[in-house]
Protein backbone atom coordinates (compact mmCIF):
# COMPACT_ATOMS: atom_id res chain seq x y z
CA MET A 1 49.30 -41.89 -3.60
CA LYS A 2 49.79 -38.17 -2.96
CA ARG A 3 47.27 -37.31 -5.70
CA LYS A 4 44.68 -39.60 -4.09
CA ILE A 5 45.15 -37.91 -0.72
CA ILE A 6 44.79 -34.43 -2.25
CA LEU A 7 41.69 -35.52 -4.18
CA THR A 8 40.17 -36.98 -1.02
CA ILE A 9 40.80 -33.74 0.92
CA LEU A 10 39.25 -31.62 -1.85
CA THR A 11 36.22 -33.90 -1.96
CA LEU A 12 35.72 -33.56 1.80
CA ILE A 13 36.02 -29.77 1.62
CA LEU A 14 33.52 -29.58 -1.24
CA THR A 15 31.08 -31.92 0.50
CA SER A 16 31.34 -29.90 3.72
CA SER A 17 30.73 -26.66 1.80
CA ILE A 18 27.66 -28.04 0.04
CA PHE A 19 26.28 -29.44 3.31
CA SER A 20 26.70 -26.12 5.12
CA GLN A 21 24.92 -24.27 2.31
CA THR A 22 21.98 -26.67 2.22
CA THR A 23 21.54 -26.59 6.00
CA GLN A 24 21.84 -22.80 6.31
CA GLU A 25 18.95 -21.43 8.31
CA ASN A 26 16.92 -18.79 6.52
CA LEU A 27 16.65 -15.54 8.44
CA LEU A 28 13.02 -14.86 7.59
CA GLU A 29 10.51 -17.22 6.00
CA ASN A 30 7.11 -16.11 7.32
CA VAL A 31 5.40 -12.95 8.49
CA GLU A 32 1.94 -12.13 9.83
CA ILE A 33 -0.29 -9.16 9.12
CA LYS A 34 -2.65 -8.41 11.98
CA PHE A 35 -5.69 -6.16 11.62
CA THR A 36 -7.58 -5.01 14.73
CA LEU A 37 -10.72 -2.92 15.14
CA GLN A 38 -11.34 -1.30 18.52
CA GLY A 39 -14.08 0.82 20.04
CA GLU A 40 -13.78 3.25 22.97
CA PRO A 41 -14.95 3.61 25.66
CA ASN A 42 -16.51 0.22 24.80
CA PRO A 43 -17.83 -1.61 21.70
CA GLN A 44 -21.48 -0.72 22.38
CA ASP A 45 -20.67 3.01 22.60
CA VAL A 46 -19.52 3.07 18.98
CA GLY A 47 -22.26 0.85 17.55
CA PHE A 48 -20.54 -2.51 17.21
CA ASP A 49 -23.71 -4.09 18.62
CA ASN A 50 -25.69 -2.80 15.61
CA PRO A 51 -26.25 -5.78 13.24
CA LYS A 52 -25.76 -3.48 10.25
CA SER A 53 -22.27 -2.39 11.33
CA SER A 54 -19.49 -3.56 9.03
CA TRP A 55 -15.71 -3.50 8.58
CA LYS A 56 -14.13 -3.97 5.15
CA VAL A 57 -10.40 -4.19 4.48
CA LYS A 58 -8.31 -4.35 1.33
CA TYR A 59 -4.54 -4.71 1.57
CA GLU A 60 -1.39 -5.15 -0.50
CA LEU A 61 2.03 -6.13 0.82
CA TYR A 62 5.16 -5.09 -1.08
CA LEU A 63 8.91 -5.26 -0.50
CA ALA A 64 11.58 -2.71 -1.42
CA ASP A 65 15.00 -1.70 -0.20
CA PHE A 66 15.08 1.23 2.20
CA SER A 67 17.54 3.07 -0.07
CA GLU A 68 15.03 3.05 -2.94
CA LEU A 69 12.34 4.54 -0.72
CA GLU A 70 14.75 7.21 0.47
CA LYS A 71 14.97 8.42 -3.13
CA LEU A 72 11.29 9.32 -2.84
CA SER A 73 12.03 11.56 0.17
CA LEU A 74 9.96 9.35 2.49
CA SER A 75 12.49 8.78 5.28
CA LYS A 76 13.01 10.79 8.45
CA THR A 77 15.79 10.86 11.02
CA ASP A 78 15.33 11.05 14.77
CA LYS A 79 18.39 10.93 17.06
CA GLY A 80 20.38 9.26 14.33
CA PHE A 81 17.68 6.68 13.68
CA LYS A 82 16.32 6.48 10.13
CA PHE A 83 12.73 5.42 9.60
CA ILE A 84 9.72 5.95 7.35
CA PRO A 85 6.53 6.96 9.17
CA PRO A 86 3.10 5.81 7.95
CA ILE A 87 1.62 8.07 5.27
CA ILE A 88 -1.84 8.67 3.87
CA GLN A 89 -2.33 7.05 0.49
CA ASN A 90 -1.89 9.20 -2.59
CA LYS A 91 -2.38 7.78 -6.11
CA SER A 92 0.70 9.42 -7.59
CA ARG A 93 2.93 8.52 -4.65
CA ASN A 94 1.48 4.99 -4.47
CA LYS A 95 2.50 4.49 -8.09
CA GLN A 96 6.04 5.72 -7.39
CA ILE A 97 6.42 3.40 -4.40
CA LYS A 98 5.08 0.35 -6.22
CA LYS A 99 7.38 1.03 -9.16
CA LYS A 100 10.38 0.55 -6.85
CA SER A 101 8.87 -2.48 -5.08
CA SER A 102 7.92 -6.12 -5.57
CA LYS A 103 4.42 -7.32 -4.74
CA ILE A 104 4.21 -10.13 -2.20
CA LEU A 105 0.50 -10.40 -1.46
CA LYS A 106 -2.91 -8.89 -2.18
CA GLY A 107 -6.15 -9.64 -0.37
CA GLY A 108 -9.13 -8.42 1.60
CA PHE A 109 -11.99 -9.37 3.91
CA THR A 110 -15.35 -8.19 5.24
CA LYS A 111 -16.56 -8.59 8.82
CA LYS A 112 -19.98 -8.02 10.39
CA SER A 113 -21.45 -8.87 13.83
CA LEU A 114 -18.74 -6.62 15.24
CA LEU A 115 -19.78 -7.09 18.84
CA ASN A 116 -18.10 -10.48 18.58
CA GLU A 117 -14.46 -9.76 19.45
CA ALA A 118 -13.28 -12.53 17.12
CA ASN A 119 -14.69 -10.53 14.18
CA ARG A 120 -12.60 -7.50 15.14
CA GLU A 121 -9.21 -9.18 14.84
CA VAL A 122 -7.90 -10.83 11.68
CA ILE A 123 -4.46 -12.40 11.27
CA ILE A 124 -3.13 -13.05 7.77
CA PRO A 125 -0.21 -15.54 7.65
CA VAL A 126 2.22 -14.85 4.81
CA LYS A 127 4.69 -17.47 3.61
CA LEU A 128 7.49 -15.68 1.77
CA SER A 129 8.57 -16.98 -1.63
CA PRO A 130 12.10 -18.43 -2.06
CA GLN A 131 13.07 -15.27 -3.97
CA VAL A 132 12.00 -13.03 -1.07
CA VAL A 133 13.66 -15.31 1.49
CA GLU A 134 16.91 -15.00 -0.46
CA VAL A 135 16.63 -11.18 -0.40
CA PHE A 136 16.77 -11.30 3.41
CA ASN A 137 19.57 -13.86 3.44
CA GLN A 138 21.72 -11.70 1.16
CA ALA A 139 20.94 -8.55 3.15
CA SER A 140 22.39 -10.15 6.27
CA THR A 141 25.86 -9.98 4.71
CA VAL A 142 25.53 -6.51 3.19
CA PRO A 143 25.29 -3.77 5.87
CA ASP A 144 23.67 -1.12 3.66
CA LYS A 145 20.94 -3.40 2.33
CA ASN A 146 17.69 -3.00 4.26
CA PRO A 147 14.60 -4.89 2.99
CA THR A 148 11.49 -2.96 3.92
CA PHE A 149 7.91 -4.20 3.96
CA ILE A 150 5.31 -1.80 2.57
CA LEU A 151 1.66 -2.31 3.52
CA PHE A 152 -1.05 -0.52 1.54
CA VAL A 153 -4.36 -0.64 3.40
CA THR A 154 -7.85 0.71 2.73
CA GLU A 155 -10.37 0.17 5.51
CA LYS A 156 -14.06 1.05 5.38
CA VAL A 157 -16.06 1.21 8.59
CA SER A 158 -19.81 1.70 8.89
CA VAL A 159 -21.36 1.96 12.37
CA LYS A 160 -24.34 3.50 14.12
CA ASN A 161 -24.79 3.48 17.89
CA SER A 162 -27.96 3.57 20.01
CA ALA A 163 -27.77 7.38 20.18
CA ASN A 164 -27.95 7.46 16.35
CA ALA A 165 -24.40 8.71 16.02
CA LYS A 166 -23.17 7.42 12.65
CA LEU A 167 -19.79 6.92 11.10
CA ARG A 168 -19.09 5.89 7.53
CA ASP A 169 -15.49 6.51 6.80
CA LYS A 170 -12.43 5.22 4.93
CA TYR A 171 -8.94 4.93 6.33
CA ARG A 172 -6.22 4.76 3.68
CA ILE A 173 -2.67 4.32 4.88
CA VAL A 174 0.73 3.10 3.74
CA GLY A 175 2.87 1.56 6.48
CA PHE A 176 6.58 0.73 6.35
CA SER A 177 8.42 -1.92 8.34
CA SER A 178 12.22 -2.05 8.01
CA VAL A 179 14.15 -5.12 9.03
CA LYS A 180 17.40 -3.40 9.91
CA HIS A 181 16.54 -0.56 12.24
CA ASP A 182 20.05 0.87 12.47
CA LEU A 183 22.08 0.97 9.27
CA SER A 184 25.21 1.94 11.19
CA ASP A 185 25.26 -1.43 12.93
CA GLN A 186 27.62 -3.75 11.10
CA THR A 187 26.44 -6.89 12.93
CA VAL A 188 22.78 -7.23 12.02
CA ASP A 189 20.64 -9.87 13.68
CA ASP A 190 17.44 -7.85 13.93
CA TYR A 191 15.35 -10.01 11.61
CA ASN A 192 12.51 -10.50 14.05
CA VAL A 193 10.08 -8.25 12.18
CA LYS A 194 7.59 -11.07 11.78
CA ASN A 195 4.45 -9.17 12.74
CA ILE A 196 2.99 -6.11 11.07
CA SER A 197 -0.06 -4.84 12.95
CA LEU A 198 -2.55 -2.17 11.99
CA THR A 199 -5.12 -1.07 14.56
CA ILE A 200 -8.17 0.99 13.66
CA LYS A 201 -9.98 2.65 16.54
CA ILE A 202 -13.41 4.29 16.67
CA ILE A 203 -13.75 6.71 19.55
CA LYS A 204 -16.93 8.21 20.97
CA GLN A 205 -16.04 11.84 21.67
CA GLU A 206 -17.40 14.06 24.45
CA ASN A 207 -19.84 15.68 22.00
CA GLY A 208 -21.25 12.25 21.15
CA GLN A 209 -19.78 12.14 17.66
CA LEU A 210 -17.71 9.19 16.45
CA LYS A 211 -14.13 9.58 15.25
CA LEU A 212 -11.93 7.17 13.29
CA THR A 213 -8.20 6.91 13.91
CA GLY A 214 -5.47 4.31 13.39
CA PHE A 215 -1.85 3.38 14.01
CA LEU A 216 0.71 0.88 12.74
CA VAL A 217 2.87 -1.29 14.99
CA HIS A 218 5.78 -3.51 13.88
């Protein structure tokens, strides 16, 4: 009788353990990459109304641990806060980064008729693989693990406004988005990095020339 009771208790414990594991909520399953093209002072000033204007984007999304990227001397510290600022692409450095990373996604797109605002904003939904999801789940229990998204982007913009000011330029950047923003924090729940946004802006300067700039937000 005693053995049956013990066996019953063990079965309940095992069943409860399995149930809790199968119903565990994943910390991060999906992310979005948002690309935006802007013109200042307004779209017509930078030639978006020109039917020949175009915007081409190629991108690659990778994942690595922050500690691996630190070995490449990419990180900076500001008021005790560690981060990796966006950097201009470099073939040798790109190769080093990719060697320490896992590829998640590769893609691209081309947009014309840029006066249409819908053609100047593109959102790419990314469903993370079970392996990547598990990386984030495991990192939640290990304080010094910090999964970091790496976005390689090459953008080509070709515009010409009514004043015949032209711009044909490329913007090559590598952006980094860390999930845990403060490695000193032992209780990490900052897994809300679900949006990685890159904005490219064409500005009409006082001298009438067009200038290309960009910034990453996450």
